[in-house]
Amino acid sequence: MSSPHDDSLPDAPPPAVPPSPPPAASAAPPVTAAPPVAAVSAGVEQAIERLARELLHERRTERRWRGFFRLSWLLLVAVVLWMLFVQRTHPSAPNGPHTALVDVRGEIAPDTEANAELLVGALKQAFEDSGAQAVVVRINSPGGSPVQAGIVNDEIRRLKAKHQKKVYAVVEEMCASGAYYIAVAADEIFVDKASLVGSIGVLMDGFGFAGAMEKLGIERRLLTAGENKGMLDPFSPQNERHKAYAQAMIDQIHRQFIAVVKDGRGSRLKEAPDTFSGLFWNGEEAVRLGLADRFGTLDSVARDVVKAEEVIDYTPRENVAERLAKRFGAALGEGAVRALGFGARLR
């Protein structure tokens, strides 16, 4: 028996599957087109040009300021030179009778306007002027150097005798110590009721740092040639022998001061126990004690006493440049002396 016929067709081969494409690579960043070379060059040129302009402006500004400062210094030097070499201004020659005025203001010391050199020069000019009927010394000073005050006192007395002219002292706010030393050379002293007058005494002041140095552990190393060269050294313990010597010295100056006051005031002085103690009084008490004569001002003295109302000021005004030049030369030595307390003062 034959096998049954198989009418089915043979199986068709499966369709070919195309190969899958390879995985795509990660997306690259977009590429920016490079700027043209001309644009880059133009930007660089602009930056350089701007930088050059700023640098040029800065240089010009610097030159202007440098020129300004140079000109300023030149002008300053010119002014200082002019002030150094210009002569001190003196009053123009008056045409008729007048009262000559010389001011004593501030501390009496070599480096101030109330120094003997300036005051003596002014007094000479005032006395020598034939139109000056009398000389008024107007005082507003706490005193100062006994040497400077003594020079002025002596010169007033000499000029009075030589020219036979009266001298009147007119006190404003204060006439104390060395200033009073000058005032007693006048023929009369005029004050205001509230003026401060007197202080006939001498002082020598300073400081002592020996105890403070010991507490701080600071050692003083002082070498001297001469056993008394370190006298009154503020950094060493006080030496009683040196103290006694200094006290005797200022006592002697005090006696000189007293003698000048007694000679100048004469019988008008009503001496009391505290007259020469260093006390000072107001103008009213000064008149009562004979330290002054009357109440008055510059104008009233010129009008009522001298009988010449026109007042001519003979006081020389030392300019700033001269004062600076003098102080610069003596600043170190004088400053040291004052710091150590050397030198007596009628103040």
C-alpha atoms as a PDB file:
ATOM      1  CA  MET A   1       0.000   0.000   0.000  1.00  0.00           C
ATOM      2  CA  SER A   2       1.425   3.146  -1.069  1.00  0.00           C
ATOM      3  CA  SER A   3       1.952   6.086   1.291  1.00  0.00           C
ATOM      4  CA  PRO A   4      -0.334   8.990   0.956  1.00  0.00           C
ATOM      5  CA  HIS A   5       0.886  11.871  -1.240  1.00  0.00           C
ATOM      6  CA  ASP A   6       1.968  14.928   0.625  1.00  0.00           C
ATOM      7  CA  ASP A   7       0.667  17.900  -1.313  1.00  0.00           C
ATOM      8  CA  SER A   8       2.083  20.644   1.044  1.00  0.00           C
ATOM      9  CA  LEU A   9       4.870  22.855  -0.257  1.00  0.00           C
ATOM     10  CA  PRO A  10       8.170  22.883   1.435  1.00  0.00           C
ATOM     11  CA  ASP A  11       8.667  25.647   4.043  1.00  0.00           C
ATOM     12  CA  ALA A  12       9.924  28.976   2.626  1.00  0.00           C
ATOM     13  CA  PRO A  13      13.104  30.301   4.133  1.00  0.00           C
ATOM     14  CA  PRO A  14      12.591  33.176   6.620  1.00  0.00           C
ATOM     15  CA  PRO A  15      12.987  36.672   5.153  1.00  0.00           C
ATOM     16  CA  ALA A  16      16.394  38.145   5.525  1.00  0.00           C
ATOM     17  CA  VAL A  17      16.540  40.748   8.287  1.00  0.00           C
ATOM     18  CA  PRO A  18      18.774  43.634   7.369  1.00  0.00           C
ATOM     19  CA  PRO A  19      21.549  44.164   9.868  1.00  0.00           C
ATOM     20  CA  SER A  20      20.839  46.877  12.419  1.00  0.00           C
ATOM     21  CA  PRO A  21      22.876  49.986  11.919  1.00  0.00           C
ATOM     22  CA  PRO A  22      25.648  50.564  14.410  1.00  0.00           C
ATOM     23  CA  PRO A  23      24.730  52.739  17.354  1.00  0.00           C
ATOM     24  CA  ALA A  24      25.029  56.398  16.523  1.00  0.00           C
ATOM     25  CA  ALA A  25      27.952  58.187  18.099  1.00  0.00           C
ATOM     26  CA  SER A  26      27.214  60.885  20.741  1.00  0.00           C
ATOM     27  CA  ALA A  27      26.321  64.209  19.167  1.00  0.00           C
ATOM     28  CA  ALA A  28      29.337  66.533  18.838  1.00  0.00           C
ATOM     29  CA  PRO A  29      28.928  70.150  19.995  1.00  0.00           C
ATOM     30  CA  PRO A  30      28.090  72.570  17.291  1.00  0.00           C
ATOM     31  CA  VAL A  31      31.159  74.053  15.807  1.00  0.00           C
ATOM     32  CA  THR A  32      31.170  77.866  15.902  1.00  0.00           C
ATOM     33  CA  ALA A  33      32.590  79.479  12.956  1.00  0.00           C
ATOM     34  CA  ALA A  34      35.859  81.285  13.731  1.00  0.00           C
ATOM     35  CA  PRO A  35      35.576  85.063  13.508  1.00  0.00           C
ATOM     36  CA  PRO A  36      37.211  86.589  10.576  1.00  0.00           C
ATOM     37  CA  VAL A  37      40.838  87.609  11.055  1.00  0.00           C
ATOM     38  CA  ALA A  38      40.016  91.227  10.162  1.00  0.00           C
ATOM     39  CA  ALA A  39      37.495  91.517  13.057  1.00  0.00           C
ATOM     40  CA  VAL A  40      40.013  90.222  15.605  1.00  0.00           C
ATOM     41  CA  SER A  41      42.633  92.615  14.367  1.00  0.00           C
ATOM     42  CA  ALA A  42      40.230  95.570  14.618  1.00  0.00           C
ATOM     43  CA  GLY A  43      39.334  94.703  18.231  1.00  0.00           C
ATOM     44  CA  VAL A  44      42.982  94.477  19.238  1.00  0.00           C
ATOM     45  CA  GLU A  45      43.706  97.805  17.591  1.00  0.00           C
ATOM     46  CA  GLN A  46      40.807  99.465  19.443  1.00  0.00           C
ATOM     47  CA  ALA A  47      41.987  98.075  22.789  1.00  0.00           C
ATOM     48  CA  ILE A  48      45.541  99.279  22.144  1.00  0.00           C
ATOM     49  CA  GLU A  49      44.266 102.682  21.064  1.00  0.00           C
ATOM     50  CA  ARG A  50      42.104 103.009  24.199  1.00  0.00           C
ATOM     51  CA  LEU A  51      45.013 101.974  26.403  1.00  0.00           C
ATOM     52  CA  ALA A  52      47.285 104.477  24.682  1.00  0.00           C
ATOM     53  CA  ARG A  53      44.739 107.274  25.163  1.00  0.00           C
ATOM     54  CA  GLU A  54      44.361 106.478  28.863  1.00  0.00           C
ATOM     55  CA  LEU A  55      48.127 106.318  29.322  1.00  0.00           C
ATOM     56  CA  LEU A  56      48.576 109.614  27.494  1.00  0.00           C
ATOM     57  CA  HIS A  57      45.861 111.244  29.632  1.00  0.00           C
ATOM     58  CA  GLU A  58      47.477 109.925  32.795  1.00  0.00           C
ATOM     59  CA  ARG A  59      50.890 111.243  31.754  1.00  0.00           C
ATOM     60  CA  ARG A  60      49.456 114.652  30.923  1.00  0.00           C
ATOM     61  CA  THR A  61      47.662 114.820  34.274  1.00  0.00           C
ATOM     62  CA  GLU A  62      50.845 113.786  36.057  1.00  0.00           C
ATOM     63  CA  ARG A  63      52.829 116.468  34.236  1.00  0.00           C
ATOM     64  CA  ARG A  64      50.234 119.113  35.122  1.00  0.00           C
ATOM     65  CA  TRP A  65      50.317 118.220  38.820  1.00  0.00           C
ATOM     66  CA  ARG A  66      54.101 118.043  38.797  1.00  0.00           C
ATOM     67  CA  GLY A  67      54.245 121.472  37.213  1.00  0.00           C
ATOM     68  CA  PHE A  68      51.704 122.791  39.709  1.00  0.00           C
ATOM     69  CA  PHE A  69      53.691 121.545  42.695  1.00  0.00           C
ATOM     70  CA  ARG A  70      56.957 122.854  41.271  1.00  0.00           C
ATOM     71  CA  LEU A  71      55.390 126.256  40.741  1.00  0.00           C
ATOM     72  CA  SER A  72      53.927 126.191  44.251  1.00  0.00           C
ATOM     73  CA  TRP A  73      57.305 125.375  45.794  1.00  0.00           C
ATOM     74  CA  LEU A  74      58.952 128.068  43.710  1.00  0.00           C
ATOM     75  CA  LEU A  75      56.426 130.640  44.895  1.00  0.00           C
ATOM     76  CA  LEU A  76      56.837 129.497  48.496  1.00  0.00           C
ATOM     77  CA  VAL A  77      60.623 129.788  48.296  1.00  0.00           C
ATOM     78  CA  ALA A  78      60.282 133.230  46.710  1.00  0.00           C
ATOM     79  CA  VAL A  79      57.961 134.397  49.493  1.00  0.00           C
ATOM     80  CA  VAL A  80      60.259 133.034  52.213  1.00  0.00           C
ATOM     81  CA  LEU A  81      63.297 134.691  50.620  1.00  0.00           C
ATOM     82  CA  TRP A  82      61.435 137.959  50.333  1.00  0.00           C
ATOM     83  CA  MET A  83      60.377 137.745  53.972  1.00  0.00           C
ATOM     84  CA  LEU A  84      63.923 136.939  55.035  1.00  0.00           C
ATOM     85  CA  PHE A  85      65.542 139.831  53.239  1.00  0.00           C
ATOM     86  CA  VAL A  86      62.860 142.493  53.456  1.00  0.00           C
ATOM     87  CA  GLN A  87      63.591 145.028  56.145  1.00  0.00           C
ATOM     88  CA  ARG A  88      61.391 145.207  59.170  1.00  0.00           C
ATOM     89  CA  THR A  89      58.690 147.758  58.687  1.00  0.00           C
ATOM     90  CA  HIS A  90      59.101 150.902  60.727  1.00  0.00           C
ATOM     91  CA  PRO A  91      56.582 153.679  61.033  1.00  0.00           C
ATOM     92  CA  SER A  92      56.780 156.461  58.544  1.00  0.00           C
ATOM     93  CA  ALA A  93      58.212 159.676  59.884  1.00  0.00           C
ATOM     94  CA  PRO A  94      55.399 161.673  61.477  1.00  0.00           C
ATOM     95  CA  ASN A  95      55.001 165.326  60.593  1.00  0.00           C
ATOM     96  CA  GLY A  96      54.119 166.715  63.993  1.00  0.00           C
ATOM     97  CA  PRO A  97      54.053 166.115  67.744  1.00  0.00           C
ATOM     98  CA  HIS A  98      52.892 162.658  68.707  1.00  0.00           C
ATOM     99  CA  THR A  99      53.019 159.963  71.373  1.00  0.00           C
ATOM    100  CA  ALA A 100      55.492 157.201  70.594  1.00  0.00           C
ATOM    101  CA  LEU A 101      54.270 153.672  71.333  1.00  0.00           C
ATOM    102  CA  VAL A 102      56.307 150.518  71.956  1.00  0.00           C
ATOM    103  CA  ASP A 103      54.454 147.284  72.664  1.00  0.00           C
ATOM    104  CA  VAL A 104      55.611 144.528  75.029  1.00  0.00           C
ATOM    105  CA  ARG A 105      53.370 141.537  74.295  1.00  0.00           C
ATOM    106  CA  GLY A 106      53.634 137.905  75.272  1.00  0.00           C
ATOM    107  CA  GLU A 107      56.531 136.078  76.884  1.00  0.00           C
ATOM    108  CA  ILE A 108      59.761 138.032  77.202  1.00  0.00           C
ATOM    109  CA  ALA A 109      62.378 135.735  75.707  1.00  0.00           C
ATOM    110  CA  PRO A 110      65.100 135.769  73.048  1.00  0.00           C
ATOM    111  CA  ASP A 111      62.972 133.920  70.477  1.00  0.00           C
ATOM    112  CA  THR A 112      59.767 135.961  70.810  1.00  0.00           C
ATOM    113  CA  GLU A 113      58.662 139.347  69.569  1.00  0.00           C
ATOM    114  CA  ALA A 114      59.119 140.658  73.119  1.00  0.00           C
ATOM    115  CA  ASN A 115      62.882 140.199  73.042  1.00  0.00           C
ATOM    116  CA  ALA A 116      65.414 142.788  74.111  1.00  0.00           C
ATOM    117  CA  GLU A 117      66.906 143.283  70.657  1.00  0.00           C
ATOM    118  CA  LEU A 118      63.618 144.304  69.070  1.00  0.00           C
ATOM    119  CA  LEU A 119      62.395 146.334  72.031  1.00  0.00           C
ATOM    120  CA  VAL A 120      65.638 148.247  72.457  1.00  0.00           C
ATOM    121  CA  GLY A 121      65.719 149.083  68.744  1.00  0.00           C
ATOM    122  CA  ALA A 122      62.149 150.391  68.904  1.00  0.00           C
ATOM    123  CA  LEU A 123      62.855 152.425  72.038  1.00  0.00           C
ATOM    124  CA  LYS A 124      65.913 154.062  70.473  1.00  0.00           C
ATOM    125  CA  GLN A 125      63.966 155.085  67.407  1.00  0.00           C
ATOM    126  CA  ALA A 126      61.106 156.452  69.504  1.00  0.00           C
ATOM    127  CA  PHE A 127      63.390 158.497  71.777  1.00  0.00           C
ATOM    128  CA  GLU A 128      65.459 159.849  68.906  1.00  0.00           C
ATOM    129  CA  ASP A 129      62.436 161.114  66.981  1.00  0.00           C
ATOM    130  CA  SER A 130      62.140 164.826  67.659  1.00  0.00           C
ATOM    131  CA  GLY A 131      58.378 164.725  67.164  1.00  0.00           C
ATOM    132  CA  ALA A 132      57.849 162.190  69.944  1.00  0.00           C
ATOM    133  CA  GLN A 133      56.703 164.116  73.013  1.00  0.00           C
ATOM    134  CA  ALA A 134      56.892 161.054  75.255  1.00  0.00           C
ATOM    135  CA  VAL A 135      57.161 157.288  75.006  1.00  0.00           C
ATOM    136  CA  VAL A 136      54.433 154.893  76.105  1.00  0.00           C
ATOM    137  CA  VAL A 137      55.382 151.279  76.757  1.00  0.00           C
ATOM    138  CA  ARG A 138      52.154 149.304  76.484  1.00  0.00           C
ATOM    139  CA  ILE A 139      52.438 145.990  78.344  1.00  0.00           C
ATOM    140  CA  ASN A 140      50.475 142.769  78.186  1.00  0.00           C
ATOM    141  CA  SER A 141      52.889 140.049  79.305  1.00  0.00           C
ATOM    142  CA  PRO A 142      53.270 137.345  81.966  1.00  0.00           C
ATOM    143  CA  GLY A 143      57.018 137.951  82.159  1.00  0.00           C
ATOM    144  CA  GLY A 144      59.906 135.763  81.100  1.00  0.00           C
ATOM    145  CA  SER A 145      63.674 136.027  81.013  1.00  0.00           C
ATOM    146  CA  PRO A 146      65.252 138.221  83.727  1.00  0.00           C
ATOM    147  CA  VAL A 147      68.163 138.878  81.374  1.00  0.00           C
ATOM    148  CA  GLN A 148      65.957 140.187  78.560  1.00  0.00           C
ATOM    149  CA  ALA A 149      63.837 142.230  80.989  1.00  0.00           C
ATOM    150  CA  GLY A 150      66.952 143.666  82.647  1.00  0.00           C
ATOM    151  CA  ILE A 151      68.401 144.779  79.311  1.00  0.00           C
ATOM    152  CA  VAL A 152      65.196 146.631  78.433  1.00  0.00           C
ATOM    153  CA  ASN A 153      64.954 148.210  81.898  1.00  0.00           C
ATOM    154  CA  ASP A 154      68.534 149.465  81.690  1.00  0.00           C
ATOM    155  CA  GLU A 155      68.008 150.869  78.197  1.00  0.00           C
ATOM    156  CA  ILE A 156      64.845 152.760  79.169  1.00  0.00           C
ATOM    157  CA  ARG A 157      66.668 154.404  82.056  1.00  0.00           C
ATOM    158  CA  ARG A 158      69.620 155.320  79.841  1.00  0.00           C
ATOM    159  CA  LEU A 159      67.441 156.778  77.058  1.00  0.00           C
ATOM    160  CA  LYS A 160      65.360 158.776  79.541  1.00  0.00           C
ATOM    161  CA  ALA A 161      68.458 160.451  80.893  1.00  0.00           C
ATOM    162  CA  LYS A 162      69.949 161.061  77.467  1.00  0.00           C
ATOM    163  CA  HIS A 163      66.875 162.515  75.715  1.00  0.00           C
ATOM    164  CA  GLN A 164      65.058 163.992  78.709  1.00  0.00           C
ATOM    165  CA  LYS A 165      61.746 162.454  77.695  1.00  0.00           C
ATOM    166  CA  LYS A 166      59.089 160.917  79.893  1.00  0.00           C
ATOM    167  CA  VAL A 167      58.217 157.241  79.704  1.00  0.00           C
ATOM    168  CA  TYR A 168      54.833 155.901  80.738  1.00  0.00           C
ATOM    169  CA  ALA A 169      53.928 152.239  81.171  1.00  0.00           C
ATOM    170  CA  VAL A 170      50.322 151.371  80.291  1.00  0.00           C
ATOM    171  CA  VAL A 171      49.190 147.942  81.464  1.00  0.00           C
ATOM    172  CA  GLU A 172      46.411 146.101  79.656  1.00  0.00           C
ATOM    173  CA  GLU A 173      45.582 142.577  80.854  1.00  0.00           C
ATOM    174  CA  MET A 174      48.783 141.628  82.639  1.00  0.00           C
ATOM    175  CA  CYS A 175      52.077 143.056  83.808  1.00  0.00           C
ATOM    176  CA  ALA A 176      53.656 140.293  85.857  1.00  0.00           C
ATOM    177  CA  SER A 177      57.166 139.391  86.931  1.00  0.00           C
ATOM    178  CA  GLY A 178      59.629 140.183  84.121  1.00  0.00           C
ATOM    179  CA  ALA A 179      57.102 142.522  82.520  1.00  0.00           C
ATOM    180  CA  TYR A 180      56.845 144.436  85.799  1.00  0.00           C
ATOM    181  CA  TYR A 181      60.659 144.494  85.851  1.00  0.00           C
ATOM    182  CA  ILE A 182      60.415 146.552  82.635  1.00  0.00           C
ATOM    183  CA  ALA A 183      57.490 148.669  83.837  1.00  0.00           C
ATOM    184  CA  VAL A 184      59.271 150.024  86.916  1.00  0.00           C
ATOM    185  CA  ALA A 185      61.702 151.872  84.643  1.00  0.00           C
ATOM    186  CA  ALA A 186      58.844 154.161  83.574  1.00  0.00           C
ATOM    187  CA  ASP A 187      58.056 157.502  85.198  1.00  0.00           C
ATOM    188  CA  GLU A 188      54.478 156.388  85.867  1.00  0.00           C
ATOM    189  CA  ILE A 189      52.546 153.129  85.581  1.00  0.00           C
ATOM    190  CA  PHE A 190      48.902 153.216  84.426  1.00  0.00           C
ATOM    191  CA  VAL A 191      46.621 150.222  84.873  1.00  0.00           C
ATOM    192  CA  ASP A 192      43.033 149.120  84.490  1.00  0.00           C
ATOM    193  CA  LYS A 193      41.128 148.253  87.667  1.00  0.00           C
ATOM    194  CA  ALA A 194      41.156 144.577  86.659  1.00  0.00           C
ATOM    195  CA  SER A 195      44.725 144.345  85.336  1.00  0.00           C
ATOM    196  CA  LEU A 196      47.009 141.763  86.958  1.00  0.00           C
ATOM    197  CA  VAL A 197      50.150 143.359  88.371  1.00  0.00           C
ATOM    198  CA  GLY A 198      53.103 142.141  90.412  1.00  0.00           C
ATOM    199  CA  SER A 199      54.409 138.590  90.842  1.00  0.00           C
ATOM    200  CA  ILE A 200      57.790 139.855  91.975  1.00  0.00           C
ATOM    201  CA  GLY A 201      59.597 136.544  92.235  1.00  0.00           C
ATOM    202  CA  VAL A 202      61.785 134.039  90.406  1.00  0.00           C
ATOM    203  CA  LEU A 203      61.224 130.400  89.593  1.00  0.00           C
ATOM    204  CA  MET A 204      63.213 127.509  88.218  1.00  0.00           C
ATOM    205  CA  ASP A 205      61.082 124.523  87.316  1.00  0.00           C
ATOM    206  CA  GLY A 206      61.666 121.010  86.057  1.00  0.00           C
ATOM    207  CA  PHE A 207      60.704 117.358  86.575  1.00  0.00           C
ATOM    208  CA  GLY A 208      62.161 114.346  88.364  1.00  0.00           C
ATOM    209  CA  PHE A 209      61.860 110.903  86.762  1.00  0.00           C
ATOM    210  CA  ALA A 210      64.133 108.866  89.030  1.00  0.00           C
ATOM    211  CA  GLY A 211      61.259 107.084  90.833  1.00  0.00           C
ATOM    212  CA  ALA A 212      59.418 106.280  87.609  1.00  0.00           C
ATOM    213  CA  MET A 213      62.602 104.884  86.065  1.00  0.00           C
ATOM    214  CA  GLU A 214      63.170 102.646  89.061  1.00  0.00           C
ATOM    215  CA  LYS A 215      59.632 101.226  88.800  1.00  0.00           C
ATOM    216  CA  LEU A 216      60.102 100.579  85.094  1.00  0.00           C
ATOM    217  CA  GLY A 217      63.486  99.000  85.585  1.00  0.00           C
ATOM    218  CA  ILE A 218      65.315 101.673  83.595  1.00  0.00           C
ATOM    219  CA  GLU A 219      68.911 102.310  84.517  1.00  0.00           C
ATOM    220  CA  ARG A 220      70.360 105.820  84.172  1.00  0.00           C
ATOM    221  CA  ARG A 221      73.890 105.854  82.778  1.00  0.00           C
ATOM    222  CA  LEU A 222      75.272 109.375  83.068  1.00  0.00           C
ATOM    223  CA  LEU A 223      78.922 110.152  82.484  1.00  0.00           C
ATOM    224  CA  THR A 224      80.225 113.605  83.341  1.00  0.00           C
ATOM    225  CA  ALA A 225      83.573 115.351  83.383  1.00  0.00           C
ATOM    226  CA  GLY A 226      83.260 117.646  86.360  1.00  0.00           C
ATOM    227  CA  GLU A 227      81.495 116.712  89.563  1.00  0.00           C
ATOM    228  CA  ASN A 228      78.700 119.266  89.086  1.00  0.00           C
ATOM    229  CA  LYS A 229      78.118 118.816  85.349  1.00  0.00           C
ATOM    230  CA  GLY A 230      75.050 116.664  85.925  1.00  0.00           C
ATOM    231  CA  MET A 231      73.478 119.250  88.198  1.00  0.00           C
ATOM    232  CA  LEU A 232      69.666 119.112  88.277  1.00  0.00           C
ATOM    233  CA  ASP A 233      69.573 116.151  85.914  1.00  0.00           C
ATOM    234  CA  PRO A 234      65.882 115.107  85.933  1.00  0.00           C
ATOM    235  CA  PHE A 235      66.727 111.400  85.551  1.00  0.00           C
ATOM    236  CA  SER A 236      68.960 111.238  88.610  1.00  0.00           C
ATOM    237  CA  PRO A 237      68.006 111.505  92.305  1.00  0.00           C
ATOM    238  CA  GLN A 238      67.987 115.057  93.583  1.00  0.00           C
ATOM    239  CA  ASN A 239      71.275 116.155  95.055  1.00  0.00           C
ATOM    240  CA  GLU A 240      70.731 118.362  98.094  1.00  0.00           C
ATOM    241  CA  ARG A 241      73.965 120.259  97.532  1.00  0.00           C
ATOM    242  CA  HIS A 242      72.973 121.066  93.956  1.00  0.00           C
ATOM    243  CA  LYS A 243      69.491 122.029  95.102  1.00  0.00           C
ATOM    244  CA  ALA A 244      70.939 124.457  97.667  1.00  0.00           C
ATOM    245  CA  TYR A 245      73.211 125.959  95.027  1.00  0.00           C
ATOM    246  CA  ALA A 246      70.319 126.524  92.603  1.00  0.00           C
ATOM    247  CA  GLN A 247      68.193 128.019  95.372  1.00  0.00           C
ATOM    248  CA  ALA A 248      70.969 130.451  96.297  1.00  0.00           C
ATOM    249  CA  MET A 249      71.263 131.472  92.655  1.00  0.00           C
ATOM    250  CA  ILE A 250      67.569 132.283  92.187  1.00  0.00           C
ATOM    251  CA  ASP A 251      67.504 134.019  95.586  1.00  0.00           C
ATOM    252  CA  GLN A 252      70.242 136.297  94.300  1.00  0.00           C
ATOM    253  CA  ILE A 253      68.254 137.053  91.138  1.00  0.00           C
ATOM    254  CA  HIS A 254      65.240 137.761  93.341  1.00  0.00           C
ATOM    255  CA  ARG A 255      67.245 140.293  95.335  1.00  0.00           C
ATOM    256  CA  GLN A 256      68.282 141.965  92.105  1.00  0.00           C
ATOM    257  CA  PHE A 257      64.627 142.161  91.072  1.00  0.00           C
ATOM    258  CA  ILE A 258      63.621 143.667  94.424  1.00  0.00           C
ATOM    259  CA  ALA A 259      66.354 146.283  94.176  1.00  0.00           C
ATOM    260  CA  VAL A 260      65.174 147.301  90.696  1.00  0.00           C
ATOM    261  CA  VAL A 261      61.561 147.624  91.909  1.00  0.00           C
ATOM    262  CA  LYS A 262      62.525 149.692  94.948  1.00  0.00           C
ATOM    263  CA  ASP A 263      64.723 151.940  92.835  1.00  0.00           C
ATOM    264  CA  GLY A 264      62.037 152.445  90.208  1.00  0.00           C
ATOM    265  CA  ARG A 265      59.096 153.004  92.536  1.00  0.00           C
ATOM    266  CA  GLY A 266      60.904 154.828  95.316  1.00  0.00           C
ATOM    267  CA  SER A 267      58.745 156.304  98.054  1.00  0.00           C
ATOM    268  CA  ARG A 268      55.548 155.498  96.134  1.00  0.00           C
ATOM    269  CA  LEU A 269      55.936 151.824  97.036  1.00  0.00           C
ATOM    270  CA  LYS A 270      54.034 150.830 100.177  1.00  0.00           C
ATOM    271  CA  GLU A 271      56.019 147.758 101.070  1.00  0.00           C
ATOM    272  CA  ALA A 272      54.232 144.927 102.875  1.00  0.00           C
ATOM    273  CA  PRO A 273      55.400 141.462 103.988  1.00  0.00           C
ATOM    274  CA  ASP A 274      54.064 139.838 100.813  1.00  0.00           C
ATOM    275  CA  THR A 275      55.059 142.572  98.348  1.00  0.00           C
ATOM    276  CA  PHE A 276      58.007 140.550  97.065  1.00  0.00           C
ATOM    277  CA  SER A 277      56.579 137.107  97.756  1.00  0.00           C
ATOM    278  CA  GLY A 278      55.495 136.387  94.183  1.00  0.00           C
ATOM    279  CA  LEU A 279      51.864 137.358  94.730  1.00  0.00           C
ATOM    280  CA  PHE A 280      50.068 139.462  92.156  1.00  0.00           C
ATOM    281  CA  TRP A 281      47.178 141.890  92.539  1.00  0.00           C
ATOM    282  CA  ASN A 282      44.490 143.507  90.448  1.00  0.00           C
ATOM    283  CA  GLY A 283      44.951 147.049  89.240  1.00  0.00           C
ATOM    284  CA  GLU A 284      42.966 148.624  92.043  1.00  0.00           C
ATOM    285  CA  GLU A 285      45.088 146.934  94.721  1.00  0.00           C
ATOM    286  CA  ALA A 286      48.255 147.673  92.766  1.00  0.00           C
ATOM    287  CA  VAL A 287      47.501 151.408  92.896  1.00  0.00           C
ATOM    288  CA  ARG A 288      46.765 151.185  96.623  1.00  0.00           C
ATOM    289  CA  LEU A 289      50.041 149.335  97.269  1.00  0.00           C
ATOM    290  CA  GLY A 290      52.082 151.749  95.190  1.00  0.00           C
ATOM    291  CA  LEU A 291      52.921 149.174  92.535  1.00  0.00           C
ATOM    292  CA  ALA A 292      51.102 151.398  90.021  1.00  0.00           C
ATOM    293  CA  ASP A 293      50.183 155.084  89.954  1.00  0.00           C
ATOM    294  CA  ARG A 294      46.848 155.694  88.219  1.00  0.00           C
ATOM    295  CA  PHE A 295      44.135 154.242  86.068  1.00  0.00           C
ATOM    296  CA  GLY A 296      44.475 154.915  82.382  1.00  0.00           C
ATOM    297  CA  THR A 297      44.689 153.613  78.833  1.00  0.00           C
ATOM    298  CA  LEU A 298      46.912 154.382  75.880  1.00  0.00           C
ATOM    299  CA  ASP A 299      44.431 156.914  74.492  1.00  0.00           C
ATOM    300  CA  SER A 300      43.817 158.643  77.806  1.00  0.00           C
ATOM    301  CA  VAL A 301      47.552 158.899  78.539  1.00  0.00           C
ATOM    302  CA  ALA A 302      48.297 160.269  75.061  1.00  0.00           C
ATOM    303  CA  ARG A 303      45.429 162.773  75.327  1.00  0.00           C
ATOM    304  CA  ASP A 304      45.539 163.861  78.956  1.00  0.00           C
ATOM    305  CA  VAL A 305      49.119 163.259  80.080  1.00  0.00           C
ATOM    306  CA  VAL A 306      51.367 163.567  77.037  1.00  0.00           C
ATOM    307  CA  LYS A 307      49.010 166.079  75.382  1.00  0.00           C
ATOM    308  CA  ALA A 308      49.675 164.544  71.961  1.00  0.00           C
ATOM    309  CA  GLU A 309      46.694 162.483  70.803  1.00  0.00           C
ATOM    310  CA  GLU A 310      48.344 161.154  67.667  1.00  0.00           C
ATOM    311  CA  VAL A 311      49.956 157.802  68.483  1.00  0.00           C
ATOM    312  CA  ILE A 312      52.744 156.398  66.319  1.00  0.00           C
ATOM    313  CA  ASP A 313      53.623 152.744  66.825  1.00  0.00           C
ATOM    314  CA  TYR A 314      57.387 152.133  66.738  1.00  0.00           C
ATOM    315  CA  THR A 315      57.154 148.439  67.574  1.00  0.00           C
ATOM    316  CA  PRO A 316      58.980 146.373  64.942  1.00  0.00           C
ATOM    317  CA  ARG A 317      57.128 143.244  63.870  1.00  0.00           C
ATOM    318  CA  GLU A 318      59.491 140.364  63.332  1.00  0.00           C
ATOM    319  CA  ASN A 319      58.321 138.397  60.308  1.00  0.00           C
ATOM    320  CA  VAL A 320      57.574 134.676  60.380  1.00  0.00           C
ATOM    321  CA  ALA A 321      60.605 133.676  58.320  1.00  0.00           C
ATOM    322  CA  GLU A 322      63.015 135.446  60.663  1.00  0.00           C
ATOM    323  CA  ARG A 323      61.411 133.850  63.672  1.00  0.00           C
ATOM    324  CA  LEU A 324      61.591 130.376  62.120  1.00  0.00           C
ATOM    325  CA  ALA A 325      65.229 130.878  61.159  1.00  0.00           C
ATOM    326  CA  LYS A 326      66.130 131.917  64.702  1.00  0.00           C
ATOM    327  CA  ARG A 327      64.225 129.082  66.298  1.00  0.00           C
ATOM    328  CA  PHE A 328      65.655 126.479  63.955  1.00  0.00           C
ATOM    329  CA  GLY A 329      69.200 127.425  64.907  1.00  0.00           C
ATOM    330  CA  ALA A 330      68.627 127.280  68.657  1.00  0.00           C
ATOM    331  CA  ALA A 331      65.808 124.768  68.934  1.00  0.00           C
ATOM    332  CA  LEU A 332      67.825 121.742  70.022  1.00  0.00           C
ATOM    333  CA  GLY A 333      69.986 123.348  72.681  1.00  0.00           C
ATOM    334  CA  GLU A 334      67.331 125.674  74.015  1.00  0.00           C
ATOM    335  CA  GLY A 335      64.711 122.936  74.074  1.00  0.00           C
ATOM    336  CA  ALA A 336      67.027 120.717  76.081  1.00  0.00           C
ATOM    337  CA  VAL A 337      67.770 123.492  78.563  1.00  0.00           C
ATOM    338  CA  ARG A 338      64.080 124.208  79.069  1.00  0.00           C
ATOM    339  CA  ALA A 339      63.216 120.522  79.389  1.00  0.00           C
ATOM    340  CA  LEU A 340      65.816 120.127  82.106  1.00  0.00           C
ATOM    341  CA  GLY A 341      64.559 123.199  83.919  1.00  0.00           C
ATOM    342  CA  PHE A 342      67.742 125.261  83.668  1.00  0.00           C
ATOM    343  CA  GLY A 343      67.571 129.028  83.505  1.00  0.00           C
ATOM    344  CA  ALA A 344      65.628 131.232  85.845  1.00  0.00           C
ATOM    345  CA  ARG A 345      62.457 132.971  84.747  1.00  0.00           C
ATOM    346  CA  LEU A 346      60.658 135.951  86.176  1.00  0.00           C
ATOM    347  CA  ARG A 347      57.235 134.511  85.618  1.00  0.00           C
END
